[in-house]
């Protein structure tokens, strides 16, 4: 679905190139650091950087970026970026991994696999790592740059991942 939105652009770009170009488009950005894990990614990023310029994206391209952003936001439960600033949890809950599992299950339409991954956490790690161990102390919320109400999300995430409750966007806590 999202790739089909990117494909409507006159200029073809990879998703990574779209992200880098969106950053370089902004006048307040003077340097862009990109993560790379393969030589081919470095080659692609360097090729992308060669045409980088402030204001490089057209209004139709910016509209595509906005549509993709909206679609992506609707595919995930929370805005967690897995920065782990919320960690360590005093109760041992792996907050970023819980959100990653939940968001991945929703984005890829495979909650059965997400529930298996969550169950493996308990088997491979410890039951305390699960969202059900959250004591709503809110220490994590003070550190979260996304301002996620983690203490409300953890019990809800456990209901979905650990107890099989159906995810319904209207029931979720605030993002």
N, C-alpha and C. Protein backbone atom coordinates (compact mmCIF):
# COMPACT_ATOMS: atom_id res chain seq x y z
N UNK A 1 0.82 -1.19 0.00
CA UNK A 1 0.00 0.00 0.00
C UNK A 1 0.87 1.26 0.00
N UNK A 2 1.83 1.32 0.91
CA UNK A 2 2.67 2.52 1.00
C UNK A 2 3.56 2.64 -0.23
N UNK A 3 4.13 1.52 -0.68
CA UNK A 3 4.98 1.58 -1.88
C UNK A 3 4.20 2.11 -3.07
N UNK A 4 2.93 1.76 -3.17
CA UNK A 4 2.13 2.26 -4.30
C UNK A 4 1.98 3.78 -4.24
N UNK A 5 1.99 4.35 -3.04
CA UNK A 5 1.96 5.82 -2.92
C UNK A 5 3.26 6.42 -3.42
N UNK A 6 4.39 5.83 -2.99
CA UNK A 6 5.69 6.32 -3.46
C UNK A 6 5.76 6.24 -4.98
N UNK A 7 5.19 5.18 -5.55
CA UNK A 7 5.27 4.95 -6.99
C UNK A 7 4.50 5.97 -7.83
N UNK A 8 3.67 6.80 -7.18
CA UNK A 8 2.95 7.84 -7.94
C UNK A 8 3.83 9.05 -8.24
N UNK A 9 4.99 9.12 -7.63
CA UNK A 9 5.89 10.26 -7.84
C UNK A 9 6.51 10.21 -9.22
N UNK A 10 6.74 11.38 -9.77
CA UNK A 10 7.39 11.47 -11.07
C UNK A 10 8.82 10.95 -11.02
N UNK A 11 9.52 11.28 -9.94
CA UNK A 11 10.90 10.81 -9.74
C UNK A 11 10.87 9.61 -8.81
N UNK A 12 11.42 8.51 -9.24
CA UNK A 12 11.46 7.28 -8.43
C UNK A 12 12.59 7.37 -7.41
N UNK A 13 12.27 6.99 -6.17
CA UNK A 13 13.25 6.97 -5.09
C UNK A 13 12.98 5.73 -4.24
N UNK A 14 14.02 5.26 -3.59
CA UNK A 14 13.83 4.21 -2.58
C UNK A 14 13.23 4.88 -1.34
N UNK A 15 12.63 4.11 -0.43
CA UNK A 15 12.14 4.72 0.81
C UNK A 15 13.23 5.46 1.59
N UNK A 16 14.44 4.89 1.61
CA UNK A 16 15.54 5.57 2.30
C UNK A 16 15.88 6.89 1.62
N UNK A 17 15.86 6.90 0.30
CA UNK A 17 16.15 8.14 -0.43
C UNK A 17 15.08 9.20 -0.18
N UNK A 18 13.82 8.76 -0.12
CA UNK A 18 12.75 9.71 0.23
C UNK A 18 13.03 10.35 1.59
N UNK A 19 13.41 9.53 2.56
CA UNK A 19 13.67 10.04 3.91
C UNK A 19 14.82 11.04 3.91
N UNK A 20 15.91 10.68 3.24
CA UNK A 20 17.07 11.57 3.19
C UNK A 20 16.73 12.86 2.44
N UNK A 21 16.04 12.75 1.31
CA UNK A 21 15.67 13.94 0.55
C UNK A 21 14.74 14.86 1.33
N UNK A 22 13.84 14.26 2.11
CA UNK A 22 12.92 15.06 2.94
C UNK A 22 13.72 15.88 3.96
N UNK A 23 14.75 15.25 4.54
CA UNK A 23 15.59 15.98 5.49
C UNK A 23 16.38 17.09 4.80
N UNK A 24 17.03 16.75 3.69
CA UNK A 24 17.84 17.75 2.99
C UNK A 24 16.99 18.90 2.44
N UNK A 25 15.74 18.65 2.18
CA UNK A 25 14.82 19.67 1.69
C UNK A 25 14.67 20.82 2.70
N UNK A 26 14.78 20.51 3.97
CA UNK A 26 14.52 21.47 5.04
C UNK A 26 15.71 22.42 5.25
N UNK A 27 15.45 23.73 5.27
CA UNK A 27 16.55 24.69 5.43
C UNK A 27 17.24 24.61 6.79
N UNK A 28 16.54 24.13 7.82
CA UNK A 28 17.14 24.08 9.15
C UNK A 28 18.09 22.89 9.33
N UNK A 29 18.15 22.00 8.36
CA UNK A 29 19.03 20.82 8.43
C UNK A 29 20.34 21.13 7.71
N UNK A 30 21.45 21.01 8.43
CA UNK A 30 22.74 21.29 7.80
C UNK A 30 23.56 20.03 7.57
N UNK A 31 23.19 18.94 8.26
CA UNK A 31 23.93 17.70 8.11
C UNK A 31 22.97 16.53 8.34
N UNK A 32 23.15 15.48 7.54
CA UNK A 32 22.30 14.30 7.68
C UNK A 32 23.21 13.09 7.90
N UNK A 33 22.95 12.39 8.97
CA UNK A 33 23.68 11.15 9.26
C UNK A 33 22.72 10.00 9.03
N UNK A 34 23.13 9.06 8.23
CA UNK A 34 22.26 7.92 7.95
C UNK A 34 22.92 6.63 8.41
N UNK A 35 22.11 5.74 8.94
CA UNK A 35 22.61 4.44 9.34
C UNK A 35 22.74 3.53 8.13
N UNK A 36 23.81 2.81 8.07
CA UNK A 36 24.03 1.88 6.96
C UNK A 36 24.59 0.60 7.53
N UNK A 37 24.15 -0.50 6.93
CA UNK A 37 24.66 -1.79 7.39
C UNK A 37 25.24 -2.62 6.24
N UNK A 38 25.31 -2.03 5.05
CA UNK A 38 25.87 -2.74 3.90
C UNK A 38 26.53 -1.73 2.96
N UNK A 39 27.52 -2.17 2.24
CA UNK A 39 28.22 -1.29 1.30
C UNK A 39 27.25 -0.71 0.26
N UNK A 40 26.30 -1.49 -0.21
CA UNK A 40 25.34 -1.01 -1.21
C UNK A 40 24.52 0.16 -0.65
N UNK A 41 24.18 0.13 0.61
CA UNK A 41 23.46 1.24 1.23
C UNK A 41 24.31 2.50 1.24
N UNK A 42 25.60 2.35 1.52
CA UNK A 42 26.49 3.50 1.49
C UNK A 42 26.56 4.10 0.09
N UNK A 43 26.68 3.25 -0.91
CA UNK A 43 26.74 3.71 -2.30
C UNK A 43 25.45 4.47 -2.65
N UNK A 44 24.30 3.91 -2.27
CA UNK A 44 23.02 4.56 -2.55
C UNK A 44 22.89 5.89 -1.81
N UNK A 45 23.31 5.93 -0.56
CA UNK A 45 23.23 7.18 0.21
C UNK A 45 24.15 8.26 -0.36
N UNK A 46 25.33 7.88 -0.81
CA UNK A 46 26.24 8.85 -1.43
C UNK A 46 25.66 9.38 -2.74
N UNK A 47 25.07 8.48 -3.53
CA UNK A 47 24.44 8.91 -4.79
C UNK A 47 23.30 9.87 -4.51
N UNK A 48 22.55 9.59 -3.48
CA UNK A 48 21.44 10.48 -3.09
C UNK A 48 21.97 11.84 -2.63
N UNK A 49 23.06 11.83 -1.89
CA UNK A 49 23.63 13.08 -1.37
C UNK A 49 24.14 13.99 -2.48
N UNK A 50 24.52 13.43 -3.60
CA UNK A 50 25.06 14.24 -4.69
C UNK A 50 24.04 15.25 -5.24
N UNK A 51 22.77 14.94 -5.15
CA UNK A 51 21.75 15.86 -5.67
C UNK A 51 21.00 16.59 -4.56
N UNK A 52 21.47 16.47 -3.31
CA UNK A 52 20.78 17.07 -2.16
C UNK A 52 20.84 18.59 -2.21
N UNK A 53 19.70 19.21 -1.87
CA UNK A 53 19.64 20.67 -1.82
C UNK A 53 18.42 21.10 -1.00
N UNK A 54 18.55 22.23 -0.35
CA UNK A 54 17.41 22.81 0.36
C UNK A 54 16.32 23.10 -0.67
N UNK A 55 15.09 22.76 -0.33
CA UNK A 55 13.96 23.03 -1.20
C UNK A 55 13.87 22.12 -2.41
N UNK A 56 14.53 20.98 -2.36
CA UNK A 56 14.62 20.11 -3.54
C UNK A 56 13.33 19.36 -3.88
N UNK A 57 12.45 19.18 -2.91
CA UNK A 57 11.21 18.46 -3.19
C UNK A 57 10.13 19.41 -3.70
N UNK A 58 9.37 18.93 -4.66
CA UNK A 58 8.28 19.74 -5.23
C UNK A 58 7.06 19.64 -4.33
N UNK A 59 6.09 20.51 -4.54
CA UNK A 59 4.85 20.44 -3.75
C UNK A 59 4.14 19.10 -3.95
N UNK A 60 4.05 18.57 -5.17
CA UNK A 60 3.43 17.24 -5.32
C UNK A 60 4.21 16.14 -4.57
N UNK A 61 5.53 16.25 -4.54
CA UNK A 61 6.32 15.26 -3.80
C UNK A 61 6.10 15.40 -2.30
N UNK A 62 6.01 16.62 -1.80
CA UNK A 62 5.73 16.83 -0.39
C UNK A 62 4.34 16.29 -0.02
N UNK A 63 3.39 16.41 -0.95
CA UNK A 63 2.05 15.88 -0.72
C UNK A 63 2.09 14.35 -0.62
N UNK A 64 2.93 13.71 -1.43
CA UNK A 64 3.08 12.26 -1.35
C UNK A 64 3.67 11.87 0.00
N UNK A 65 4.69 12.60 0.44
CA UNK A 65 5.30 12.33 1.74
C UNK A 65 4.24 12.43 2.84
N UNK A 66 3.40 13.43 2.76
CA UNK A 66 2.36 13.61 3.77
C UNK A 66 1.34 12.46 3.73
N UNK A 67 0.96 12.01 2.55
CA UNK A 67 0.03 10.88 2.44
C UNK A 67 0.66 9.60 3.00
N UNK A 68 1.93 9.39 2.70
CA UNK A 68 2.63 8.21 3.23
C UNK A 68 2.71 8.30 4.75
N UNK A 69 3.04 9.47 5.26
CA UNK A 69 3.11 9.65 6.72
C UNK A 69 1.78 9.30 7.37
N UNK A 70 0.69 9.79 6.81
CA UNK A 70 -0.63 9.50 7.36
C UNK A 70 -0.97 8.02 7.31
N UNK A 71 -0.64 7.37 6.19
CA UNK A 71 -0.91 5.94 6.06
C UNK A 71 -0.08 5.14 7.06
N UNK A 72 1.18 5.52 7.22
CA UNK A 72 2.05 4.83 8.17
C UNK A 72 1.53 5.00 9.59
N UNK A 73 1.11 6.22 9.94
CA UNK A 73 0.58 6.48 11.28
C UNK A 73 -0.64 5.61 11.56
N UNK A 74 -1.46 5.37 10.55
CA UNK A 74 -2.65 4.55 10.73
C UNK A 74 -2.36 3.07 10.83
N UNK A 75 -1.18 2.64 10.43
CA UNK A 75 -0.82 1.23 10.47
C UNK A 75 -0.22 0.80 11.81
N UNK A 76 0.18 1.73 12.63
CA UNK A 76 0.82 1.36 13.88
C UNK A 76 0.02 1.86 15.07
N UNK A 77 0.21 1.22 16.19
CA UNK A 77 -0.52 1.58 17.40
C UNK A 77 0.06 2.81 18.07
N UNK A 78 1.37 2.83 18.22
CA UNK A 78 2.02 3.92 18.95
C UNK A 78 3.12 4.57 18.11
N UNK A 79 3.57 5.70 18.58
CA UNK A 79 4.64 6.42 17.89
C UNK A 79 6.01 6.09 18.46
N UNK A 80 6.11 4.98 19.17
CA UNK A 80 7.40 4.58 19.76
C UNK A 80 8.44 4.38 18.66
N UNK A 81 9.61 4.97 18.85
CA UNK A 81 10.71 4.86 17.88
C UNK A 81 11.79 3.89 18.35
N UNK A 82 11.57 3.22 19.46
CA UNK A 82 12.52 2.28 20.06
C UNK A 82 13.83 2.96 20.47
N UNK A 83 13.75 4.22 20.86
CA UNK A 83 14.95 4.94 21.30
C UNK A 83 15.48 4.40 22.62
N UNK A 84 14.61 3.77 23.41
CA UNK A 84 14.94 3.17 24.71
C UNK A 84 15.26 4.19 25.80
N UNK A 85 14.88 5.44 25.62
CA UNK A 85 15.07 6.42 26.68
C UNK A 85 14.22 6.06 27.90
N UNK A 86 13.18 5.28 27.69
CA UNK A 86 12.29 4.86 28.78
C UNK A 86 12.91 3.77 29.65
N UNK A 87 14.02 3.25 29.22
CA UNK A 87 14.67 2.13 29.90
C UNK A 87 15.80 2.62 30.80
N UNK A 88 16.16 1.91 31.82
CA UNK A 88 15.58 0.64 32.23
C UNK A 88 14.30 0.86 33.03
N UNK A 89 13.37 -0.03 32.84
CA UNK A 89 12.14 -0.04 33.62
C UNK A 89 12.47 -0.62 34.99
N UNK A 90 12.04 0.03 36.08
CA UNK A 90 12.34 -0.51 37.41
C UNK A 90 11.71 -1.88 37.66
N UNK A 91 10.71 -2.24 36.85
CA UNK A 91 10.05 -3.54 37.01
C UNK A 91 10.50 -4.55 35.96
N UNK A 92 11.46 -4.17 35.13
CA UNK A 92 12.03 -5.09 34.16
C UNK A 92 11.29 -5.19 32.84
N UNK A 93 10.24 -4.42 32.64
CA UNK A 93 9.46 -4.50 31.40
C UNK A 93 10.30 -4.01 30.23
N UNK A 94 10.30 -4.76 29.16
CA UNK A 94 10.99 -4.33 27.93
C UNK A 94 10.00 -3.52 27.11
N UNK A 95 9.91 -2.24 27.40
CA UNK A 95 8.93 -1.35 26.81
C UNK A 95 9.12 -1.22 25.30
N UNK A 96 10.33 -0.89 24.82
CA UNK A 96 10.49 -0.75 23.37
C UNK A 96 10.16 -2.02 22.59
N UNK A 97 10.56 -3.17 23.13
CA UNK A 97 10.30 -4.42 22.43
C UNK A 97 8.80 -4.72 22.40
N UNK A 98 8.10 -4.41 23.48
CA UNK A 98 6.65 -4.61 23.50
C UNK A 98 5.99 -3.77 22.41
N UNK A 99 6.37 -2.50 22.32
CA UNK A 99 5.79 -1.64 21.29
C UNK A 99 6.19 -2.10 19.89
N UNK A 100 7.43 -2.54 19.73
CA UNK A 100 7.89 -3.03 18.42
C UNK A 100 7.07 -4.25 17.98
N UNK A 101 6.85 -5.17 18.89
CA UNK A 101 6.08 -6.36 18.56
C UNK A 101 4.64 -5.98 18.20
N UNK A 102 4.04 -5.11 18.99
CA UNK A 102 2.66 -4.69 18.72
C UNK A 102 2.57 -3.96 17.38
N UNK A 103 3.43 -2.97 17.17
CA UNK A 103 3.39 -2.20 15.92
C UNK A 103 3.67 -3.09 14.71
N UNK A 104 4.62 -4.01 14.83
CA UNK A 104 4.93 -4.90 13.71
C UNK A 104 3.75 -5.80 13.37
N UNK A 105 3.11 -6.34 14.39
CA UNK A 105 1.94 -7.19 14.16
C UNK A 105 0.85 -6.44 13.40
N UNK A 106 0.64 -5.19 13.76
CA UNK A 106 -0.39 -4.38 13.10
C UNK A 106 0.04 -3.97 11.69
N UNK A 107 1.28 -3.50 11.54
CA UNK A 107 1.74 -3.03 10.24
C UNK A 107 1.79 -4.13 9.20
N UNK A 108 2.17 -5.33 9.63
CA UNK A 108 2.29 -6.43 8.68
C UNK A 108 1.07 -7.34 8.68
N UNK A 109 0.05 -6.94 9.44
CA UNK A 109 -1.20 -7.70 9.44
C UNK A 109 -1.04 -9.12 9.93
N UNK A 110 -0.17 -9.31 10.94
CA UNK A 110 0.07 -10.66 11.42
C UNK A 110 0.15 -10.65 12.95
N UNK A 111 -1.00 -10.49 13.57
CA UNK A 111 -1.03 -10.46 15.03
C UNK A 111 -0.72 -11.83 15.63
N UNK A 112 -1.01 -12.91 14.90
CA UNK A 112 -0.68 -14.25 15.40
C UNK A 112 0.83 -14.37 15.61
N UNK A 113 1.61 -13.88 14.65
CA UNK A 113 3.07 -13.93 14.79
C UNK A 113 3.54 -12.99 15.89
N UNK A 114 2.90 -11.84 16.03
CA UNK A 114 3.26 -10.91 17.10
C UNK A 114 3.01 -11.54 18.46
N UNK A 115 1.90 -12.24 18.60
CA UNK A 115 1.61 -12.89 19.88
C UNK A 115 2.62 -14.00 20.17
N UNK A 116 3.06 -14.70 19.15
CA UNK A 116 4.10 -15.73 19.34
C UNK A 116 5.40 -15.07 19.80
N UNK A 117 5.76 -13.96 19.18
CA UNK A 117 6.99 -13.25 19.56
C UNK A 117 6.91 -12.78 21.01
N UNK A 118 5.76 -12.30 21.41
CA UNK A 118 5.56 -11.84 22.79
C UNK A 118 5.68 -13.02 23.76
N UNK A 119 5.09 -14.14 23.40
CA UNK A 119 5.17 -15.35 24.24
C UNK A 119 6.62 -15.82 24.36
N UNK A 120 7.38 -15.71 23.27
CA UNK A 120 8.80 -16.11 23.31
C UNK A 120 9.58 -15.24 24.29
N UNK A 121 9.18 -13.98 24.45
CA UNK A 121 9.85 -13.12 25.44
C UNK A 121 9.77 -13.75 26.81
N UNK A 122 8.60 -14.22 27.16
CA UNK A 122 8.40 -14.81 28.48
C UNK A 122 9.21 -16.10 28.61
N UNK A 123 9.20 -16.91 27.56
CA UNK A 123 9.90 -18.19 27.61
C UNK A 123 11.42 -18.00 27.61
N UNK A 124 11.90 -17.10 26.74
CA UNK A 124 13.35 -16.92 26.56
C UNK A 124 13.99 -15.98 27.56
N UNK A 125 13.23 -15.07 28.10
CA UNK A 125 13.79 -14.08 29.01
C UNK A 125 13.29 -14.34 30.43
N UNK A 126 12.20 -13.69 30.76
CA UNK A 126 11.62 -13.78 32.10
C UNK A 126 10.21 -13.21 32.04
N UNK A 127 9.31 -13.74 32.84
CA UNK A 127 7.95 -13.16 32.83
C UNK A 127 7.93 -11.68 33.18
N UNK A 128 8.92 -11.22 33.94
CA UNK A 128 8.92 -9.81 34.34
C UNK A 128 9.16 -8.86 33.17
N UNK A 129 9.64 -9.37 32.05
CA UNK A 129 9.91 -8.54 30.89
C UNK A 129 8.62 -8.13 30.17
N UNK A 130 7.53 -8.86 30.48
CA UNK A 130 6.25 -8.62 29.81
C UNK A 130 5.56 -7.35 30.30
N UNK A 131 4.73 -6.81 29.44
CA UNK A 131 4.00 -5.58 29.76
C UNK A 131 3.11 -5.72 30.97
N UNK A 132 2.68 -6.95 31.29
CA UNK A 132 1.82 -7.18 32.45
C UNK A 132 2.54 -6.89 33.77
N UNK A 133 3.86 -6.79 33.74
CA UNK A 133 4.63 -6.47 34.95
C UNK A 133 4.69 -4.97 35.23
N UNK A 134 4.15 -4.16 34.34
CA UNK A 134 4.15 -2.71 34.54
C UNK A 134 3.35 -2.37 35.80
N UNK A 135 3.93 -1.55 36.65
CA UNK A 135 3.29 -1.13 37.90
C UNK A 135 2.79 0.32 37.83
N UNK A 136 2.76 0.88 36.65
CA UNK A 136 2.29 2.24 36.40
C UNK A 136 3.02 3.28 37.27
N UNK A 137 4.32 3.09 37.44
CA UNK A 137 5.10 4.05 38.23
C UNK A 137 5.35 5.35 37.46
N UNK A 138 5.28 5.29 36.14
CA UNK A 138 5.42 6.44 35.23
C UNK A 138 6.85 6.98 35.12
N UNK A 139 7.84 6.29 35.69
CA UNK A 139 9.23 6.73 35.53
C UNK A 139 9.59 6.82 34.05
N UNK A 140 9.12 5.86 33.28
CA UNK A 140 9.42 5.79 31.85
C UNK A 140 8.84 6.99 31.09
N UNK A 141 7.67 7.43 31.51
CA UNK A 141 6.99 8.51 30.80
C UNK A 141 7.74 9.83 30.89
N UNK A 142 8.44 10.02 32.00
CA UNK A 142 9.23 11.24 32.17
C UNK A 142 10.38 11.30 31.18
N UNK A 143 10.83 10.14 30.71
CA UNK A 143 11.97 10.06 29.81
C UNK A 143 11.58 9.96 28.34
N UNK A 144 10.31 9.68 28.04
CA UNK A 144 9.88 9.40 26.67
C UNK A 144 9.78 10.67 25.83
N UNK A 145 10.63 10.82 24.79
CA UNK A 145 10.57 12.02 23.95
C UNK A 145 9.31 12.06 23.07
N UNK A 146 8.62 10.92 22.93
CA UNK A 146 7.38 10.87 22.14
C UNK A 146 6.15 11.16 23.00
N UNK A 147 6.37 11.35 24.30
CA UNK A 147 5.28 11.63 25.25
C UNK A 147 4.19 10.55 25.23
N UNK A 148 4.61 9.30 25.10
CA UNK A 148 3.67 8.19 25.10
C UNK A 148 3.25 7.90 26.54
N UNK A 149 1.98 7.67 26.75
CA UNK A 149 1.47 7.31 28.07
C UNK A 149 1.71 5.81 28.28
N UNK A 150 2.96 5.49 28.53
CA UNK A 150 3.42 4.10 28.60
C UNK A 150 2.67 3.32 29.67
N UNK A 151 2.40 3.96 30.81
CA UNK A 151 1.72 3.26 31.91
C UNK A 151 0.30 2.85 31.53
N UNK A 152 -0.30 3.52 30.58
CA UNK A 152 -1.62 3.12 30.09
C UNK A 152 -1.49 2.10 28.95
N UNK A 153 -0.42 2.21 28.17
CA UNK A 153 -0.23 1.31 27.04
C UNK A 153 0.17 -0.09 27.45
N UNK A 154 0.97 -0.24 28.49
CA UNK A 154 1.48 -1.57 28.83
C UNK A 154 0.36 -2.56 29.16
N UNK A 155 -0.60 -2.22 30.03
CA UNK A 155 -1.68 -3.19 30.27
C UNK A 155 -2.49 -3.48 29.00
N UNK A 156 -2.71 -2.48 28.18
CA UNK A 156 -3.46 -2.67 26.93
C UNK A 156 -2.67 -3.56 25.97
N UNK A 157 -1.37 -3.32 25.84
CA UNK A 157 -0.53 -4.14 24.97
C UNK A 157 -0.54 -5.59 25.43
N UNK A 158 -0.49 -5.80 26.75
CA UNK A 158 -0.52 -7.17 27.26
C UNK A 158 -1.86 -7.85 26.95
N UNK A 159 -2.93 -7.11 27.06
CA UNK A 159 -4.24 -7.70 26.72
C UNK A 159 -4.26 -8.19 25.28
N UNK A 160 -3.68 -7.40 24.39
CA UNK A 160 -3.68 -7.76 22.97
C UNK A 160 -2.68 -8.88 22.69
N UNK A 161 -1.46 -8.72 23.17
CA UNK A 161 -0.40 -9.68 22.84
C UNK A 161 -0.41 -10.92 23.73
N UNK A 162 -0.72 -10.75 24.99
CA UNK A 162 -0.64 -11.87 25.91
C UNK A 162 -1.95 -12.58 26.17
N UNK A 163 -3.07 -11.87 25.96
CA UNK A 163 -4.37 -12.46 26.25
C UNK A 163 -5.24 -12.64 25.01
N UNK A 164 -4.76 -12.17 23.86
CA UNK A 164 -5.49 -12.39 22.61
C UNK A 164 -6.64 -11.44 22.34
N UNK A 165 -6.71 -10.34 23.09
CA UNK A 165 -7.76 -9.36 22.83
C UNK A 165 -7.58 -8.76 21.44
N UNK A 166 -8.67 -8.48 20.76
CA UNK A 166 -8.60 -7.87 19.44
C UNK A 166 -8.15 -6.41 19.58
N UNK A 167 -7.25 -6.00 18.71
CA UNK A 167 -6.82 -4.59 18.69
C UNK A 167 -7.88 -3.77 18.00
N UNK A 168 -8.33 -2.74 18.69
CA UNK A 168 -9.30 -1.80 18.11
C UNK A 168 -8.77 -0.40 18.34
N UNK A 169 -8.49 0.35 17.27
CA UNK A 169 -7.91 1.69 17.43
C UNK A 169 -8.70 2.59 18.37
N UNK A 170 -10.01 2.44 18.38
CA UNK A 170 -10.82 3.30 19.24
C UNK A 170 -10.66 2.98 20.73
N UNK A 171 -10.12 1.81 21.07
CA UNK A 171 -9.92 1.43 22.47
C UNK A 171 -8.54 1.79 22.99
N UNK A 172 -7.62 2.14 22.10
CA UNK A 172 -6.24 2.34 22.53
C UNK A 172 -6.09 3.61 23.37
N UNK A 173 -5.09 3.59 24.25
CA UNK A 173 -4.76 4.81 24.98
C UNK A 173 -4.27 5.88 24.00
N UNK A 174 -4.10 7.07 24.50
CA UNK A 174 -3.55 8.14 23.65
C UNK A 174 -2.19 7.71 23.14
N UNK A 175 -1.84 8.17 21.95
CA UNK A 175 -0.53 7.83 21.39
C UNK A 175 0.53 8.49 22.19
